[in-house]
Amino acid sequence: MAGETLYVIDRIVTNPGCGQKFVDEWRAGYLPNARRRSLTLDNILVSPPLWSEYEPNVVTITWTVDGASGWWAMTRLSRGDTTLRQWWDAMEPLICERSRTMATAADDVEALADV
């Protein structure tokens, strides 16, 4: 499976006026430990591209993991991490909603699905 890249896409909708604070807290508190869980940061996108006191921001964070084995390593290390759960709980006042999805390049689907 080495060589197939899986993308982990986190989508966080912040409460109005909380976008910049969330991104700052995420960089300080979430990002360092994510690397330990086999996640490699690909990109952080903010929409709309401005910090507003009156509107929410959609923060889209894309990660990469190395194939199915990387995804399983990330999942296994995340499930038992109580500090991760506590971090998200502390972020609740800043967040309206959040979701996580996975994707891959179309050329890698067949190899990744052959388990």
C-alpha atoms as a PDB file:
ATOM      1  CA  MET A   1       0.000   0.000   0.000  1.00  0.00           C
ATOM      2  CA  ALA A   2       2.944   2.377   0.299  1.00  0.00           C
ATOM      3  CA  GLY A   3       2.671   5.302  -2.052  1.00  0.00           C
ATOM      4  CA  GLU A   4      -1.091   5.802  -2.000  1.00  0.00           C
ATOM      5  CA  THR A   5      -1.934   9.018  -0.241  1.00  0.00           C
ATOM      6  CA  LEU A   6      -5.106   9.455   1.747  1.00  0.00           C
ATOM      7  CA  TYR A   7      -6.345  12.955   2.466  1.00  0.00           C
ATOM      8  CA  VAL A   8      -8.072  13.637   5.757  1.00  0.00           C
ATOM      9  CA  ILE A   9     -10.284  16.722   5.449  1.00  0.00           C
ATOM     10  CA  ASP A  10     -11.417  18.532   8.576  1.00  0.00           C
ATOM     11  CA  ARG A  11     -14.130  21.152   8.103  1.00  0.00           C
ATOM     12  CA  ILE A  12     -14.791  23.427  11.056  1.00  0.00           C
ATOM     13  CA  VAL A  13     -17.443  26.146  11.009  1.00  0.00           C
ATOM     14  CA  THR A  14     -16.602  28.654  13.697  1.00  0.00           C
ATOM     15  CA  ASN A  15     -19.042  30.765  15.602  1.00  0.00           C
ATOM     16  CA  PRO A  16     -19.175  34.392  14.387  1.00  0.00           C
ATOM     17  CA  GLY A  17     -16.045  36.273  15.381  1.00  0.00           C
ATOM     18  CA  CYS A  18     -14.173  33.134  16.488  1.00  0.00           C
ATOM     19  CA  GLY A  19     -12.297  32.129  13.322  1.00  0.00           C
ATOM     20  CA  GLN A  20      -8.922  33.635  14.086  1.00  0.00           C
ATOM     21  CA  LYS A  21      -8.980  32.527  17.722  1.00  0.00           C
ATOM     22  CA  PHE A  22      -9.830  28.967  16.666  1.00  0.00           C
ATOM     23  CA  VAL A  23      -6.973  28.836  14.120  1.00  0.00           C
ATOM     24  CA  ASP A  24      -4.525  30.242  16.676  1.00  0.00           C
ATOM     25  CA  GLU A  25      -5.648  27.695  19.310  1.00  0.00           C
ATOM     26  CA  TRP A  26      -5.533  24.905  16.726  1.00  0.00           C
ATOM     27  CA  ARG A  27      -1.954  25.751  15.728  1.00  0.00           C
ATOM     28  CA  ALA A  28      -0.819  25.890  19.352  1.00  0.00           C
ATOM     29  CA  GLY A  29      -2.779  22.968  20.822  1.00  0.00           C
ATOM     30  CA  TYR A  30      -3.804  20.532  18.086  1.00  0.00           C
ATOM     31  CA  LEU A  31      -1.128  20.673  15.403  1.00  0.00           C
ATOM     32  CA  PRO A  32       1.896  19.521  17.467  1.00  0.00           C
ATOM     33  CA  ASN A  33       0.133  16.345  18.641  1.00  0.00           C
ATOM     34  CA  ALA A  34      -1.340  15.597  15.215  1.00  0.00           C
ATOM     35  CA  ARG A  35       2.127  14.950  13.847  1.00  0.00           C
ATOM     36  CA  ARG A  36       2.571  12.262  16.513  1.00  0.00           C
ATOM     37  CA  ARG A  37      -0.588  10.582  15.197  1.00  0.00           C
ATOM     38  CA  SER A  38       0.906  10.200  11.675  1.00  0.00           C
ATOM     39  CA  LEU A  39      -0.920  13.214  10.197  1.00  0.00           C
ATOM     40  CA  THR A  40       1.034  15.495   7.860  1.00  0.00           C
ATOM     41  CA  LEU A  41      -0.446  18.954   7.379  1.00  0.00           C
ATOM     42  CA  ASP A  42      -1.245  19.694   3.748  1.00  0.00           C
ATOM     43  CA  ASN A  43      -3.182  22.967   3.917  1.00  0.00           C
ATOM     44  CA  ILE A  44      -5.322  25.297   6.029  1.00  0.00           C
ATOM     45  CA  LEU A  45      -7.990  27.203   4.111  1.00  0.00           C
ATOM     46  CA  VAL A  46     -10.219  29.929   5.558  1.00  0.00           C
ATOM     47  CA  SER A  47     -13.469  31.038   3.966  1.00  0.00           C
ATOM     48  CA  PRO A  48     -14.379  33.792   3.600  1.00  0.00           C
ATOM     49  CA  PRO A  49     -10.778  34.990   3.445  1.00  0.00           C
ATOM     50  CA  LEU A  50     -11.122  37.516   6.258  1.00  0.00           C
ATOM     51  CA  TRP A  51     -11.647  37.546  10.011  1.00  0.00           C
ATOM     52  CA  SER A  52     -15.029  39.047  10.830  1.00  0.00           C
ATOM     53  CA  GLU A  53     -16.570  39.722  14.208  1.00  0.00           C
ATOM     54  CA  TYR A  54     -20.048  39.174  12.766  1.00  0.00           C
ATOM     55  CA  GLU A  55     -19.718  36.174  10.430  1.00  0.00           C
ATOM     56  CA  PRO A  56     -18.556  32.589  10.883  1.00  0.00           C
ATOM     57  CA  ASN A  57     -15.494  31.247   9.119  1.00  0.00           C
ATOM     58  CA  VAL A  58     -15.216  27.844   7.524  1.00  0.00           C
ATOM     59  CA  VAL A  59     -11.783  26.440   8.298  1.00  0.00           C
ATOM     60  CA  THR A  60     -10.831  23.538   6.041  1.00  0.00           C
ATOM     61  CA  ILE A  61      -7.730  21.650   7.115  1.00  0.00           C
ATOM     62  CA  THR A  62      -6.316  18.967   4.862  1.00  0.00           C
ATOM     63  CA  TRP A  63      -3.893  16.347   6.069  1.00  0.00           C
ATOM     64  CA  THR A  64      -2.161  13.480   4.343  1.00  0.00           C
ATOM     65  CA  VAL A  65      -1.503   9.984   5.628  1.00  0.00           C
ATOM     66  CA  ASP A  66       0.415   7.246   3.858  1.00  0.00           C
ATOM     67  CA  GLY A  67      -2.198   4.823   2.573  1.00  0.00           C
ATOM     68  CA  ALA A  68      -4.525   2.630   4.563  1.00  0.00           C
ATOM     69  CA  SER A  69      -1.819   1.742   7.089  1.00  0.00           C
ATOM     70  CA  GLY A  70      -1.283   5.443   7.833  1.00  0.00           C
ATOM     71  CA  TRP A  71      -5.010   5.951   8.257  1.00  0.00           C
ATOM     72  CA  TRP A  72      -5.267   3.022  10.676  1.00  0.00           C
ATOM     73  CA  ALA A  73      -2.267   4.296  12.655  1.00  0.00           C
ATOM     74  CA  MET A  74      -3.875   7.748  12.924  1.00  0.00           C
ATOM     75  CA  THR A  75      -7.210   6.255  13.943  1.00  0.00           C
ATOM     76  CA  ARG A  76      -5.712   3.910  16.544  1.00  0.00           C
ATOM     77  CA  LEU A  77      -3.631   6.653  18.151  1.00  0.00           C
ATOM     78  CA  SER A  78      -6.566   9.109  18.181  1.00  0.00           C
ATOM     79  CA  ARG A  79      -9.170   6.831  19.739  1.00  0.00           C
ATOM     80  CA  GLY A  80      -7.474   6.443  23.103  1.00  0.00           C
ATOM     81  CA  ASP A  81      -6.142   9.991  23.344  1.00  0.00           C
ATOM     82  CA  THR A  82      -8.077  11.658  26.174  1.00  0.00           C
ATOM     83  CA  THR A  83      -6.139  14.916  25.738  1.00  0.00           C
ATOM     84  CA  LEU A  84      -7.484  15.133  22.183  1.00  0.00           C
ATOM     85  CA  ARG A  85     -11.039  14.792  23.434  1.00  0.00           C
ATOM     86  CA  GLN A  86     -10.384  17.419  26.119  1.00  0.00           C
ATOM     87  CA  TRP A  87      -8.923  19.802  23.548  1.00  0.00           C
ATOM     88  CA  TRP A  88     -12.036  19.570  21.342  1.00  0.00           C
ATOM     89  CA  ASP A  89     -14.260  20.016  24.402  1.00  0.00           C
ATOM     90  CA  ALA A  90     -12.381  23.217  25.258  1.00  0.00           C
ATOM     91  CA  MET A  91     -12.931  24.474  21.687  1.00  0.00           C
ATOM     92  CA  GLU A  92     -16.724  24.042  21.814  1.00  0.00           C
ATOM     93  CA  PRO A  93     -17.435  27.746  22.534  1.00  0.00           C
ATOM     94  CA  LEU A  94     -15.622  28.663  19.291  1.00  0.00           C
ATOM     95  CA  ILE A  95     -17.240  26.071  17.003  1.00  0.00           C
ATOM     96  CA  CYS A  96     -20.655  25.830  15.407  1.00  0.00           C
ATOM     97  CA  GLU A  97     -20.022  22.476  13.673  1.00  0.00           C
ATOM     98  CA  ARG A  98     -17.215  20.200  12.539  1.00  0.00           C
ATOM     99  CA  SER A  99     -16.780  17.153  10.349  1.00  0.00           C
ATOM    100  CA  ARG A 100     -14.031  14.892   9.022  1.00  0.00           C
ATOM    101  CA  THR A 101     -13.970  13.073   5.694  1.00  0.00           C
ATOM    102  CA  MET A 102     -11.371  11.072   3.793  1.00  0.00           C
ATOM    103  CA  ALA A 103     -10.462  11.185   0.112  1.00  0.00           C
ATOM    104  CA  THR A 104      -7.797  10.022  -2.314  1.00  0.00           C
ATOM    105  CA  ALA A 105      -6.722  10.680  -5.868  1.00  0.00           C
ATOM    106  CA  ALA A 106      -8.919   8.905  -8.401  1.00  0.00           C
ATOM    107  CA  ASP A 107      -5.919   6.885  -9.615  1.00  0.00           C
ATOM    108  CA  ASP A 108      -5.377   5.467  -6.100  1.00  0.00           C
ATOM    109  CA  VAL A 109      -8.944   4.345  -5.354  1.00  0.00           C
ATOM    110  CA  GLU A 110      -8.603   0.856  -6.798  1.00  0.00           C
ATOM    111  CA  ALA A 111      -5.368   0.053  -4.942  1.00  0.00           C
ATOM    112  CA  LEU A 112      -6.663   1.437  -1.644  1.00  0.00           C
ATOM    113  CA  ALA A 113      -9.952  -0.440  -1.939  1.00  0.00           C
ATOM    114  CA  ASP A 114      -8.185  -3.771  -2.527  1.00  0.00           C
ATOM    115  CA  VAL A 115      -8.057  -4.955   1.077  1.00  0.00           C
END
